Amino acid sequence: MVDWLVYDSLDEFVNASIEECRGAEEQFARTFEEYLKEGYAPTNALQSLFRRFSSWLKSIYGFLAAVPDSKMDDGVRQLFDLLSAEVPAAEVVQNGICRGNCIQNA
């Protein structure tokens, strides 16, 4: 995940200045917008909310296939699934809440 945000280590990210982190934070935010725009909720309880976010973001970004500057892939989707599900990672893996191959070492 740290590689995805263009850092060699978590320590490098944690010790970076606000200005040095801005690009990584913007990339994370844009990619989370893309995740919400896709509209696939990690739990049944979030389906309505994700549908509303998806509709709203599609009205903002219109015809664009993806949110500009987002870096979405299956691993990032799984991370956002885990962050959004509000359940322990082991339970997510056991119950198959996230799409695709969930993180194996939860």
PDB file of N, CA and C in Angstrom:
ATOM      1  N   MET A   1       0.824  -1.200   0.000  1.00  0.00           N
ATOM      2  CA  MET A   1       0.000   0.000   0.000  1.00  0.00           C
ATOM      3  C   MET A   1       0.861   1.254   0.000  1.00  0.00           C
ATOM      4  N   VAL A   2       1.938   1.260   0.770  1.00  0.00           N
ATOM      5  CA  VAL A   2       2.812   2.423   0.824  1.00  0.00           C
ATOM      6  C   VAL A   2       3.407   2.665  -0.555  1.00  0.00           C
ATOM      7  N   ASP A   3       3.755   1.578  -1.282  1.00  0.00           N
ATOM      8  CA  ASP A   3       4.275   1.716  -2.647  1.00  0.00           C
ATOM      9  C   ASP A   3       3.253   2.426  -3.539  1.00  0.00           C
ATOM     10  N   TRP A   4       1.991   2.081  -3.376  1.00  0.00           N
ATOM     11  CA  TRP A   4       0.922   2.676  -4.167  1.00  0.00           C
ATOM     12  C   TRP A   4       0.877   4.184  -3.950  1.00  0.00           C
ATOM     13  N   LEU A   5       1.210   4.633  -2.752  1.00  0.00           N
ATOM     14  CA  LEU A   5       1.223   6.061  -2.441  1.00  0.00           C
ATOM     15  C   LEU A   5       2.586   6.698  -2.697  1.00  0.00           C
ATOM     16  N   VAL A   6       3.487   5.982  -3.386  1.00  0.00           N
ATOM     17  CA  VAL A   6       4.783   6.484  -3.838  1.00  0.00           C
ATOM     18  C   VAL A   6       5.746   6.753  -2.680  1.00  0.00           C
ATOM     19  N   TYR A   7       5.731   5.897  -1.696  1.00  0.00           N
ATOM     20  CA  TYR A   7       6.691   5.968  -0.597  1.00  0.00           C
ATOM     21  C   TYR A   7       7.366   4.617  -0.473  1.00  0.00           C
ATOM     22  N   ASP A   8       8.633   4.633  -0.045  1.00  0.00           N
ATOM     23  CA  ASP A   8       9.372   3.388   0.107  1.00  0.00           C
ATOM     24  C   ASP A   8       9.018   2.662   1.396  1.00  0.00           C
ATOM     25  N   SER A   9       8.557   3.401   2.407  1.00  0.00           N
ATOM     26  CA  SER A   9       8.212   2.772   3.682  1.00  0.00           C
ATOM     27  C   SER A   9       7.158   3.613   4.395  1.00  0.00           C
ATOM     28  N   LEU A  10       6.512   3.005   5.358  1.00  0.00           N
ATOM     29  CA  LEU A  10       5.534   3.720   6.175  1.00  0.00           C
ATOM     30  C   LEU A  10       6.219   4.820   6.976  1.00  0.00           C
ATOM     31  N   ASP A  11       7.434   4.554   7.462  1.00  0.00           N
ATOM     32  CA  ASP A  11       8.188   5.574   8.203  1.00  0.00           C
ATOM     33  C   ASP A  11       8.432   6.809   7.339  1.00  0.00           C
ATOM     34  N   GLU A  12       8.768   6.597   6.077  1.00  0.00           N
ATOM     35  CA  GLU A  12       9.006   7.726   5.180  1.00  0.00           C
ATOM     36  C   GLU A  12       7.746   8.586   5.048  1.00  0.00           C
ATOM     37  N   PHE A  13       6.589   7.938   4.930  1.00  0.00           N
ATOM     38  CA  PHE A  13       5.330   8.667   4.828  1.00  0.00           C
ATOM     39  C   PHE A  13       5.017   9.405   6.131  1.00  0.00           C
ATOM     40  N   VAL A  14       5.157   8.719   7.265  1.00  0.00           N
ATOM     41  CA  VAL A  14       4.843   9.303   8.568  1.00  0.00           C
ATOM     42  C   VAL A  14       5.742  10.501   8.870  1.00  0.00           C
ATOM     43  N   ASN A  15       6.992  10.442   8.468  1.00  0.00           N
ATOM     44  CA  ASN A  15       7.940  11.510   8.764  1.00  0.00           C
ATOM     45  C   ASN A  15       7.981  12.616   7.715  1.00  0.00           C
ATOM     46  N   ALA A  16       7.174  12.508   6.697  1.00  0.00           N
ATOM     47  CA  ALA A  16       7.161  13.524   5.642  1.00  0.00           C
ATOM     48  C   ALA A  16       6.394  14.762   6.115  1.00  0.00           C
ATOM     49  N   SER A  17       6.754  15.905   5.555  1.00  0.00           N
ATOM     50  CA  SER A  17       6.061  17.153   5.885  1.00  0.00           C
ATOM     51  C   SER A  17       4.673  17.149   5.244  1.00  0.00           C
ATOM     52  N   ILE A  18       3.857  18.093   5.651  1.00  0.00           N
ATOM     53  CA  ILE A  18       2.513  18.214   5.089  1.00  0.00           C
ATOM     54  C   ILE A  18       2.593  18.394   3.577  1.00  0.00           C
ATOM     55  N   GLU A  19       3.493  19.246   3.137  1.00  0.00           N
ATOM     56  CA  GLU A  19       3.631  19.492   1.700  1.00  0.00           C
ATOM     57  C   GLU A  19       4.103  18.239   0.965  1.00  0.00           C
ATOM     58  N   GLU A  20       5.002  17.485   1.572  1.00  0.00           N
ATOM     59  CA  GLU A  20       5.499  16.260   0.944  1.00  0.00           C
ATOM     60  C   GLU A  20       4.410  15.197   0.848  1.00  0.00           C
ATOM     61  N   CYS A  21       3.465  15.200   1.773  1.00  0.00           N
ATOM     62  CA  CYS A  21       2.379  14.206   1.795  1.00  0.00           C
ATOM     63  C   CYS A  21       1.213  14.570   0.883  1.00  0.00           C
ATOM     64  N   ARG A  22       1.138  15.822   0.487  1.00  0.00           N
ATOM     65  CA  ARG A  22      -0.048  16.294  -0.227  1.00  0.00           C
ATOM     66  C   ARG A  22      -0.375  15.447  -1.461  1.00  0.00           C
ATOM     67  N   GLY A  23       0.605  15.104  -2.262  1.00  0.00           N
ATOM     68  CA  GLY A  23       0.356  14.309  -3.458  1.00  0.00           C
ATOM     69  C   GLY A  23      -0.228  12.938  -3.131  1.00  0.00           C
ATOM     70  N   ALA A  24       0.322  12.284  -2.117  1.00  0.00           N
ATOM     71  CA  ALA A  24      -0.182  10.972  -1.718  1.00  0.00           C
ATOM     72  C   ALA A  24      -1.600  11.079  -1.163  1.00  0.00           C
ATOM     73  N   GLU A  25      -1.847  12.129  -0.389  1.00  0.00           N
ATOM     74  CA  GLU A  25      -3.190  12.318   0.175  1.00  0.00           C
ATOM     75  C   GLU A  25      -4.213  12.592  -0.924  1.00  0.00           C
ATOM     76  N   GLU A  26      -3.831  13.395  -1.917  1.00  0.00           N
ATOM     77  CA  GLU A  26      -4.727  13.673  -3.040  1.00  0.00           C
ATOM     78  C   GLU A  26      -4.999  12.404  -3.843  1.00  0.00           C
ATOM     79  N   GLN A  27      -3.956  11.598  -4.062  1.00  0.00           N
ATOM     80  CA  GLN A  27      -4.140  10.343  -4.792  1.00  0.00           C
ATOM     81  C   GLN A  27      -5.079   9.416  -4.029  1.00  0.00           C
ATOM     82  N   PHE A  28      -4.903   9.310  -2.718  1.00  0.00           N
ATOM     83  CA  PHE A  28      -5.779   8.482  -1.899  1.00  0.00           C
ATOM     84  C   PHE A  28      -7.223   8.987  -2.015  1.00  0.00           C
ATOM     85  N   ALA A  29      -7.423  10.301  -1.902  1.00  0.00           N
ATOM     86  CA  ALA A  29      -8.766  10.876  -1.960  1.00  0.00           C
ATOM     87  C   ALA A  29      -9.417  10.633  -3.323  1.00  0.00           C
ATOM     88  N   ARG A  30      -8.678  10.866  -4.402  1.00  0.00           N
ATOM     89  CA  ARG A  30      -9.230  10.657  -5.746  1.00  0.00           C
ATOM     90  C   ARG A  30      -9.575   9.189  -5.984  1.00  0.00           C
ATOM     91  N   THR A  31      -8.734   8.320  -5.498  1.00  0.00           N
ATOM     92  CA  THR A  31      -8.999   6.896  -5.684  1.00  0.00           C
ATOM     93  C   THR A  31     -10.173   6.449  -4.831  1.00  0.00           C
ATOM     94  N   PHE A  32     -10.330   7.026  -3.631  1.00  0.00           N
ATOM     95  CA  PHE A  32     -11.509   6.698  -2.823  1.00  0.00           C
ATOM     96  C   PHE A  32     -12.768   7.226  -3.501  1.00  0.00           C
ATOM     97  N   GLU A  33     -12.700   8.366  -4.163  1.00  0.00           N
ATOM     98  CA  GLU A  33     -13.833   8.854  -4.944  1.00  0.00           C
ATOM     99  C   GLU A  33     -14.193   7.856  -6.040  1.00  0.00           C
ATOM    100  N   GLU A  34     -13.178   7.322  -6.706  1.00  0.00           N
ATOM    101  CA  GLU A  34     -13.415   6.317  -7.744  1.00  0.00           C
ATOM    102  C   GLU A  34     -14.078   5.074  -7.147  1.00  0.00           C
ATOM    103  N   TYR A  35     -13.605   4.657  -5.983  1.00  0.00           N
ATOM    104  CA  TYR A  35     -14.190   3.507  -5.283  1.00  0.00           C
ATOM    105  C   TYR A  35     -15.674   3.756  -5.009  1.00  0.00           C
ATOM    106  N   LEU A  36     -16.007   4.926  -4.493  1.00  0.00           N
ATOM    107  CA  LEU A  36     -17.410   5.253  -4.216  1.00  0.00           C
ATOM    108  C   LEU A  36     -18.213   5.375  -5.508  1.00  0.00           C
ATOM    109  N   LYS A  37     -17.604   5.918  -6.557  1.00  0.00           N
ATOM    110  CA  LYS A  37     -18.286   6.078  -7.842  1.00  0.00           C
ATOM    111  C   LYS A  37     -18.679   4.728  -8.433  1.00  0.00           C
ATOM    112  N   GLU A  38     -17.860   3.702  -8.178  1.00  0.00           N
ATOM    113  CA  GLU A  38     -18.193   2.360  -8.685  1.00  0.00           C
ATOM    114  C   GLU A  38     -19.495   1.850  -8.084  1.00  0.00           C
ATOM    115  N   GLY A  39     -19.798   2.246  -6.853  1.00  0.00           N
ATOM    116  CA  GLY A  39     -21.086   1.933  -6.242  1.00  0.00           C
ATOM    117  C   GLY A  39     -21.242   0.553  -5.641  1.00  0.00           C
ATOM    118  N   TYR A  40     -20.185  -0.206  -5.493  1.00  0.00           N
ATOM    119  CA  TYR A  40     -20.277  -1.550  -4.920  1.00  0.00           C
ATOM    120  C   TYR A  40     -19.956  -1.494  -3.427  1.00  0.00           C
ATOM    121  N   ALA A  41     -20.959  -1.694  -2.598  1.00  0.00           N
ATOM    122  CA  ALA A  41     -20.787  -1.634  -1.147  1.00  0.00           C
ATOM    123  C   ALA A  41     -20.206  -2.943  -0.621  1.00  0.00           C
ATOM    124  N   PRO A  42     -19.319  -2.866   0.377  1.00  0.00           N
ATOM    125  CA  PRO A  42     -18.746  -4.084   0.954  1.00  0.00           C
ATOM    126  C   PRO A  42     -19.712  -4.819   1.888  1.00  0.00           C
ATOM    127  N   THR A  43     -20.800  -4.175   2.303  1.00  0.00           N
ATOM    128  CA  THR A  43     -21.806  -4.826   3.158  1.00  0.00           C
ATOM    129  C   THR A  43     -23.194  -4.423   2.674  1.00  0.00           C
ATOM    130  N   ASN A  44     -24.193  -5.225   3.009  1.00  0.00           N
ATOM    131  CA  ASN A  44     -25.575  -4.908   2.649  1.00  0.00           C
ATOM    132  C   ASN A  44     -26.029  -3.604   3.286  1.00  0.00           C
ATOM    133  N   ALA A  45     -25.587  -3.340   4.494  1.00  0.00           N
ATOM    134  CA  ALA A  45     -25.999  -2.139   5.211  1.00  0.00           C
ATOM    135  C   ALA A  45     -25.552  -0.858   4.505  1.00  0.00           C
ATOM    136  N   LEU A  46     -24.497  -0.933   3.715  1.00  0.00           N
ATOM    137  CA  LEU A  46     -23.967   0.252   3.043  1.00  0.00           C
ATOM    138  C   LEU A  46     -24.451   0.414   1.603  1.00  0.00           C
ATOM    139  N   GLN A  47     -25.252  -0.516   1.096  1.00  0.00           N
ATOM    140  CA  GLN A  47     -25.642  -0.479  -0.312  1.00  0.00           C
ATOM    141  C   GLN A  47     -26.354   0.817  -0.702  1.00  0.00           C
ATOM    142  N   SER A  48     -27.304   1.254   0.080  1.00  0.00           N
ATOM    143  CA  SER A  48     -28.046   2.468  -0.250  1.00  0.00           C
ATOM    144  C   SER A  48     -27.135   3.686  -0.264  1.00  0.00           C
ATOM    145  N   LEU A  49     -26.277   3.787   0.725  1.00  0.00           N
ATOM    146  CA  LEU A  49     -25.347   4.908   0.802  1.00  0.00           C
ATOM    147  C   LEU A  49     -24.388   4.914  -0.387  1.00  0.00           C
ATOM    148  N   PHE A  50     -23.854   3.758  -0.731  1.00  0.00           N
ATOM    149  CA  PHE A  50     -22.923   3.669  -1.856  1.00  0.00           C
ATOM    150  C   PHE A  50     -23.619   4.003  -3.176  1.00  0.00           C
ATOM    151  N   ARG A  51     -24.865   3.590  -3.338  1.00  0.00           N
ATOM    152  CA  ARG A  51     -25.614   3.940  -4.549  1.00  0.00           C
ATOM    153  C   ARG A  51     -25.781   5.453  -4.667  1.00  0.00           C
ATOM    154  N   ARG A  52     -26.094   6.107  -3.537  1.00  0.00           N
ATOM    155  CA  ARG A  52     -26.256   7.567  -3.561  1.00  0.00           C
ATOM    156  C   ARG A  52     -24.941   8.268  -3.878  1.00  0.00           C
ATOM    157  N   PHE A  53     -23.851   7.828  -3.257  1.00  0.00           N
ATOM    158  CA  PHE A  53     -22.543   8.405  -3.568  1.00  0.00           C
ATOM    159  C   PHE A  53     -22.206   8.190  -5.042  1.00  0.00           C
ATOM    160  N   SER A  54     -22.469   7.002  -5.536  1.00  0.00           N
ATOM    161  CA  SER A  54     -22.175   6.691  -6.924  1.00  0.00           C
ATOM    162  C   SER A  54     -22.934   7.631  -7.859  1.00  0.00           C
ATOM    163  N   SER A  55     -24.213   7.822  -7.634  1.00  0.00           N
ATOM    164  CA  SER A  55     -25.012   8.718  -8.475  1.00  0.00           C
ATOM    165  C   SER A  55     -24.491  10.140  -8.411  1.00  0.00           C
ATOM    166  N   TRP A  56     -24.165  10.591  -7.215  1.00  0.00           N
ATOM    167  CA  TRP A  56     -23.679  11.955  -7.029  1.00  0.00           C
ATOM    168  C   TRP A  56     -22.340  12.161  -7.751  1.00  0.00           C
ATOM    169  N   LEU A  57     -21.404  11.210  -7.567  1.00  0.00           N
ATOM    170  CA  LEU A  57     -20.098  11.346  -8.211  1.00  0.00           C
ATOM    171  C   LEU A  57     -20.196  11.230  -9.730  1.00  0.00           C
ATOM    172  N   LYS A  58     -21.093  10.392 -10.225  1.00  0.00           N
ATOM    173  CA  LYS A  58     -21.280  10.290 -11.678  1.00  0.00           C
ATOM    174  C   LYS A  58     -21.845  11.600 -12.231  1.00  0.00           C
ATOM    175  N   SER A  59     -22.671  12.294 -11.456  1.00  0.00           N
ATOM    176  CA  SER A  59     -23.183  13.586 -11.928  1.00  0.00           C
ATOM    177  C   SER A  59     -22.071  14.626 -11.963  1.00  0.00           C
ATOM    178  N   ILE A  60     -21.091  14.502 -11.087  1.00  0.00           N
ATOM    179  CA  ILE A  60     -19.963  15.441 -11.059  1.00  0.00           C
ATOM    180  C   ILE A  60     -18.982  15.144 -12.194  1.00  0.00           C
ATOM    181  N   TYR A  61     -18.592  13.872 -12.334  1.00  0.00           N
ATOM    182  CA  TYR A  61     -17.564  13.505 -13.312  1.00  0.00           C
ATOM    183  C   TYR A  61     -18.129  13.191 -14.688  1.00  0.00           C
ATOM    184  N   GLY A  62     -19.443  13.107 -14.786  1.00  0.00           N
ATOM    185  CA  GLY A  62     -20.104  12.939 -16.071  1.00  0.00           C
ATOM    186  C   GLY A  62     -19.623  11.754 -16.870  1.00  0.00           C
ATOM    187  N   PHE A  63     -19.185  12.041 -18.084  1.00  0.00           N
ATOM    188  CA  PHE A  63     -18.844  10.993 -19.047  1.00  0.00           C
ATOM    189  C   PHE A  63     -17.495  10.335 -18.796  1.00  0.00           C
ATOM    190  N   LEU A  64     -16.693  10.854 -17.873  1.00  0.00           N
ATOM    191  CA  LEU A  64     -15.367  10.286 -17.643  1.00  0.00           C
ATOM    192  C   LEU A  64     -15.472   8.853 -17.126  1.00  0.00           C
ATOM    193  N   ALA A  65     -14.651   7.988 -17.676  1.00  0.00           N
ATOM    194  CA  ALA A  65     -14.667   6.582 -17.256  1.00  0.00           C
ATOM    195  C   ALA A  65     -14.151   6.422 -15.835  1.00  0.00           C
ATOM    196  N   ALA A  66     -13.201   7.273 -15.425  1.00  0.00           N
ATOM    197  CA  ALA A  66     -12.616   7.175 -14.087  1.00  0.00           C
ATOM    198  C   ALA A  66     -12.396   8.579 -13.533  1.00  0.00           C
ATOM    199  N   VAL A  67     -12.314   8.667 -12.234  1.00  0.00           N
ATOM    200  CA  VAL A  67     -11.995   9.925 -11.576  1.00  0.00           C
ATOM    201  C   VAL A  67     -10.561  10.285 -11.954  1.00  0.00           C
ATOM    202  N   PRO A  68     -10.330  11.532 -12.391  1.00  0.00           N
ATOM    203  CA  PRO A  68      -8.959  11.918 -12.769  1.00  0.00           C
ATOM    204  C   PRO A  68      -7.965  11.685 -11.631  1.00  0.00           C
ATOM    205  N   ASP A  69      -6.806  11.187 -11.973  1.00  0.00           N
ATOM    206  CA  ASP A  69      -5.701  10.929 -11.042  1.00  0.00           C
ATOM    207  C   ASP A  69      -5.964   9.807 -10.043  1.00  0.00           C
ATOM    208  N   SER A  70      -7.010   9.009 -10.253  1.00  0.00           N
ATOM    209  CA  SER A  70      -7.215   7.858  -9.370  1.00  0.00           C
ATOM    210  C   SER A  70      -6.337   6.709  -9.845  1.00  0.00           C
ATOM    211  N   LYS A  71      -5.942   5.854  -8.925  1.00  0.00           N
ATOM    212  CA  LYS A  71      -5.069   4.715  -9.239  1.00  0.00           C
ATOM    213  C   LYS A  71      -5.705   3.440  -8.688  1.00  0.00           C
ATOM    214  N   MET A  72      -6.854   3.073  -9.234  1.00  0.00           N
ATOM    215  CA  MET A  72      -7.626   1.952  -8.725  1.00  0.00           C
ATOM    216  C   MET A  72      -7.106   0.638  -9.284  1.00  0.00           C
ATOM    217  N   ASP A  73      -7.027  -0.358  -8.421  1.00  0.00           N
ATOM    218  CA  ASP A  73      -6.777  -1.733  -8.836  1.00  0.00           C
ATOM    219  C   ASP A  73      -7.449  -2.636  -7.804  1.00  0.00           C
ATOM    220  N   ASP A  74      -7.397  -3.937  -8.009  1.00  0.00           N
ATOM    221  CA  ASP A  74      -8.097  -4.867  -7.115  1.00  0.00           C
ATOM    222  C   ASP A  74      -7.592  -4.797  -5.674  1.00  0.00           C
ATOM    223  N   GLY A  75      -6.287  -4.637  -5.489  1.00  0.00           N
ATOM    224  CA  GLY A  75      -5.734  -4.548  -4.138  1.00  0.00           C
ATOM    225  C   GLY A  75      -6.241  -3.329  -3.393  1.00  0.00           C
ATOM    226  N   VAL A  76      -6.339  -2.205  -4.095  1.00  0.00           N
ATOM    227  CA  VAL A  76      -6.839  -0.978  -3.481  1.00  0.00           C
ATOM    228  C   VAL A  76      -8.331  -1.128  -3.172  1.00  0.00           C
ATOM    229  N   ARG A  77      -9.084  -1.744  -4.079  1.00  0.00           N
ATOM    230  CA  ARG A  77     -10.509  -2.004  -3.810  1.00  0.00           C
ATOM    231  C   ARG A  77     -10.668  -2.835  -2.539  1.00  0.00           C
ATOM    232  N   GLN A  78      -9.838  -3.850  -2.392  1.00  0.00           N
ATOM    233  CA  GLN A  78      -9.911  -4.700  -1.199  1.00  0.00           C
ATOM    234  C   GLN A  78      -9.610  -3.897   0.056  1.00  0.00           C
ATOM    235  N   LEU A  79      -8.622  -3.016  -0.015  1.00  0.00           N
ATOM    236  CA  LEU A  79      -8.305  -2.170   1.124  1.00  0.00           C
ATOM    237  C   LEU A  79      -9.492  -1.290   1.483  1.00  0.00           C
ATOM    238  N   PHE A  80     -10.095  -0.639   0.491  1.00  0.00           N
ATOM    239  CA  PHE A  80     -11.248   0.216   0.755  1.00  0.00           C
ATOM    240  C   PHE A  80     -12.439  -0.603   1.246  1.00  0.00           C
ATOM    241  N   ASP A  81     -12.594  -1.826   0.743  1.00  0.00           N
ATOM    242  CA  ASP A  81     -13.642  -2.717   1.263  1.00  0.00           C
ATOM    243  C   ASP A  81     -13.445  -2.937   2.759  1.00  0.00           C
ATOM    244  N   LEU A  82     -12.209  -3.229   3.141  1.00  0.00           N
ATOM    245  CA  LEU A  82     -11.910  -3.462   4.556  1.00  0.00           C
ATOM    246  C   LEU A  82     -12.132  -2.207   5.390  1.00  0.00           C
ATOM    247  N   LEU A  83     -11.708  -1.061   4.883  1.00  0.00           N
ATOM    248  CA  LEU A  83     -11.881   0.185   5.622  1.00  0.00           C
ATOM    249  C   LEU A  83     -13.354   0.562   5.763  1.00  0.00           C
ATOM    250  N   SER A  84     -14.155   0.243   4.766  1.00  0.00           N
ATOM    251  CA  SER A  84     -15.564   0.614   4.768  1.00  0.00           C
ATOM    252  C   SER A  84     -16.450  -0.373   5.513  1.00  0.00           C
ATOM    253  N   ALA A  85     -16.010  -1.609   5.642  1.00  0.00           N
ATOM    254  CA  ALA A  85     -16.873  -2.658   6.194  1.00  0.00           C
ATOM    255  C   ALA A  85     -17.076  -2.554   7.702  1.00  0.00           C
ATOM    256  N   GLU A  86     -16.155  -1.920   8.403  1.00  0.00           N
ATOM    257  CA  GLU A  86     -16.228  -1.784   9.864  1.00  0.00           C
ATOM    258  C   GLU A  86     -16.340  -3.133  10.578  1.00  0.00           C
ATOM    259  N   VAL A  87     -15.667  -4.109  10.038  1.00  0.00           N
ATOM    260  CA  VAL A  87     -15.587  -5.415  10.687  1.00  0.00           C
ATOM    261  C   VAL A  87     -14.124  -5.833  10.692  1.00  0.00           C
ATOM    262  N   PRO A  88     -13.731  -6.693  11.618  1.00  0.00           N
ATOM    263  CA  PRO A  88     -12.341  -7.155  11.630  1.00  0.00           C
ATOM    264  C   PRO A  88     -11.974  -7.828  10.305  1.00  0.00           C
ATOM    265  N   ALA A  89     -10.745  -7.623   9.887  1.00  0.00           N
ATOM    266  CA  ALA A  89     -10.287  -8.175   8.612  1.00  0.00           C
ATOM    267  C   ALA A  89     -10.492  -9.682   8.523  1.00  0.00           C
ATOM    268  N   ALA A  90     -10.265 -10.402   9.623  1.00  0.00           N
ATOM    269  CA  ALA A  90     -10.445 -11.857   9.608  1.00  0.00           C
ATOM    270  C   ALA A  90     -11.889 -12.222   9.277  1.00  0.00           C
ATOM    271  N   GLU A  91     -12.831 -11.452   9.792  1.00  0.00           N
ATOM    272  CA  GLU A  91     -14.245 -11.717   9.507  1.00  0.00           C
ATOM    273  C   GLU A  91     -14.574 -11.402   8.049  1.00  0.00           C
ATOM    274  N   VAL A  92     -13.963 -10.371   7.508  1.00  0.00           N
ATOM    275  CA  VAL A  92     -14.170 -10.029   6.103  1.00  0.00           C
ATOM    276  C   VAL A  92     -13.728 -11.183   5.220  1.00  0.00           C
ATOM    277  N   VAL A  93     -12.554 -11.735   5.509  1.00  0.00           N
ATOM    278  CA  VAL A  93     -12.030 -12.857   4.728  1.00  0.00           C
ATOM    279  C   VAL A  93     -12.915 -14.082   4.903  1.00  0.00           C
ATOM    280  N   GLN A  94     -13.262 -14.387   6.145  1.00  0.00           N
ATOM    281  CA  GLN A  94     -14.049 -15.586   6.440  1.00  0.00           C
ATOM    282  C   GLN A  94     -15.418 -15.535   5.767  1.00  0.00           C
ATOM    283  N   ASN A  95     -16.066 -14.381   5.787  1.00  0.00           N
ATOM    284  CA  ASN A  95     -17.422 -14.261   5.248  1.00  0.00           C
ATOM    285  C   ASN A  95     -17.460 -13.773   3.807  1.00  0.00           C
ATOM    286  N   GLY A  96     -16.286 -13.537   3.230  1.00  0.00           N
ATOM    287  CA  GLY A  96     -16.232 -13.131   1.830  1.00  0.00           C
ATOM    288  C   GLY A  96     -16.891 -11.794   1.559  1.00  0.00           C
ATOM    289  N   ILE A  97     -16.775 -10.851   2.493  1.00  0.00           N
ATOM    290  CA  ILE A  97     -17.421  -9.558   2.323  1.00  0.00           C
ATOM    291  C   ILE A  97     -16.804  -8.786   1.168  1.00  0.00           C
ATOM    292  N   CYS A  98     -15.499  -8.796   1.043  1.00  0.00           N
ATOM    293  CA  CYS A  98     -14.894  -8.020  -0.039  1.00  0.00           C
ATOM    294  C   CYS A  98     -14.913  -8.815  -1.334  1.00  0.00           C
ATOM    295  N   ARG A  99     -14.865  -8.074  -2.439  1.00  0.00           N
ATOM    296  CA  ARG A  99     -14.917  -8.696  -3.757  1.00  0.00           C
ATOM    297  C   ARG A  99     -13.579  -9.326  -4.115  1.00  0.00           C
ATOM    298  N   GLY A 100     -13.582 -10.304  -4.966  1.00  0.00           N
ATOM    299  CA  GLY A 100     -12.334 -10.901  -5.447  1.00  0.00           C
ATOM    300  C   GLY A 100     -11.611 -11.659  -4.366  1.00  0.00           C
ATOM    301  N   ASN A 101     -10.310 -11.701  -4.462  1.00  0.00           N
ATOM    302  CA  ASN A 101      -9.467 -12.396  -3.476  1.00  0.00           C
ATOM    303  C   ASN A 101      -9.169 -11.441  -2.344  1.00  0.00           C
ATOM    304  N   CYS A 102      -9.739 -11.712  -1.196  1.00  0.00           N
ATOM    305  CA  CYS A 102      -9.503 -10.865  -0.034  1.00  0.00           C
ATOM    306  C   CYS A 102      -8.069 -11.049   0.463  1.00  0.00           C
ATOM    307  N   ILE A 103      -7.632 -10.117   1.274  1.00  0.00           N
ATOM    308  CA  ILE A 103      -6.308 -10.192   1.831  1.00  0.00           C
ATOM    309  C   ILE A 103      -6.163 -11.494   2.614  1.00  0.00           C
ATOM    310  N   GLN A 104      -5.184 -12.265   2.298  1.00  0.00           N
ATOM    311  CA  GLN A 104      -5.059 -13.610   2.847  1.00  0.00           C
ATOM    312  C   GLN A 104      -4.577 -13.664   4.284  1.00  0.00           C
ATOM    313  N   ASN A 105      -3.711 -12.753   4.685  1.00  0.00           N
ATOM    314  CA  ASN A 105      -3.134 -12.808   6.029  1.00  0.00           C
ATOM    315  C   ASN A 105      -3.828 -11.864   6.989  1.00  0.00           C
ATOM    316  N   ALA A 106      -5.145 -11.861   6.975  1.00  0.00           N
ATOM    317  CA  ALA A 106      -5.889 -10.953   7.858  1.00  0.00           C
ATOM    318  C   ALA A 106      -5.850 -11.438   9.283  1.00  0.00           C
TER     319      ALA A 106
END
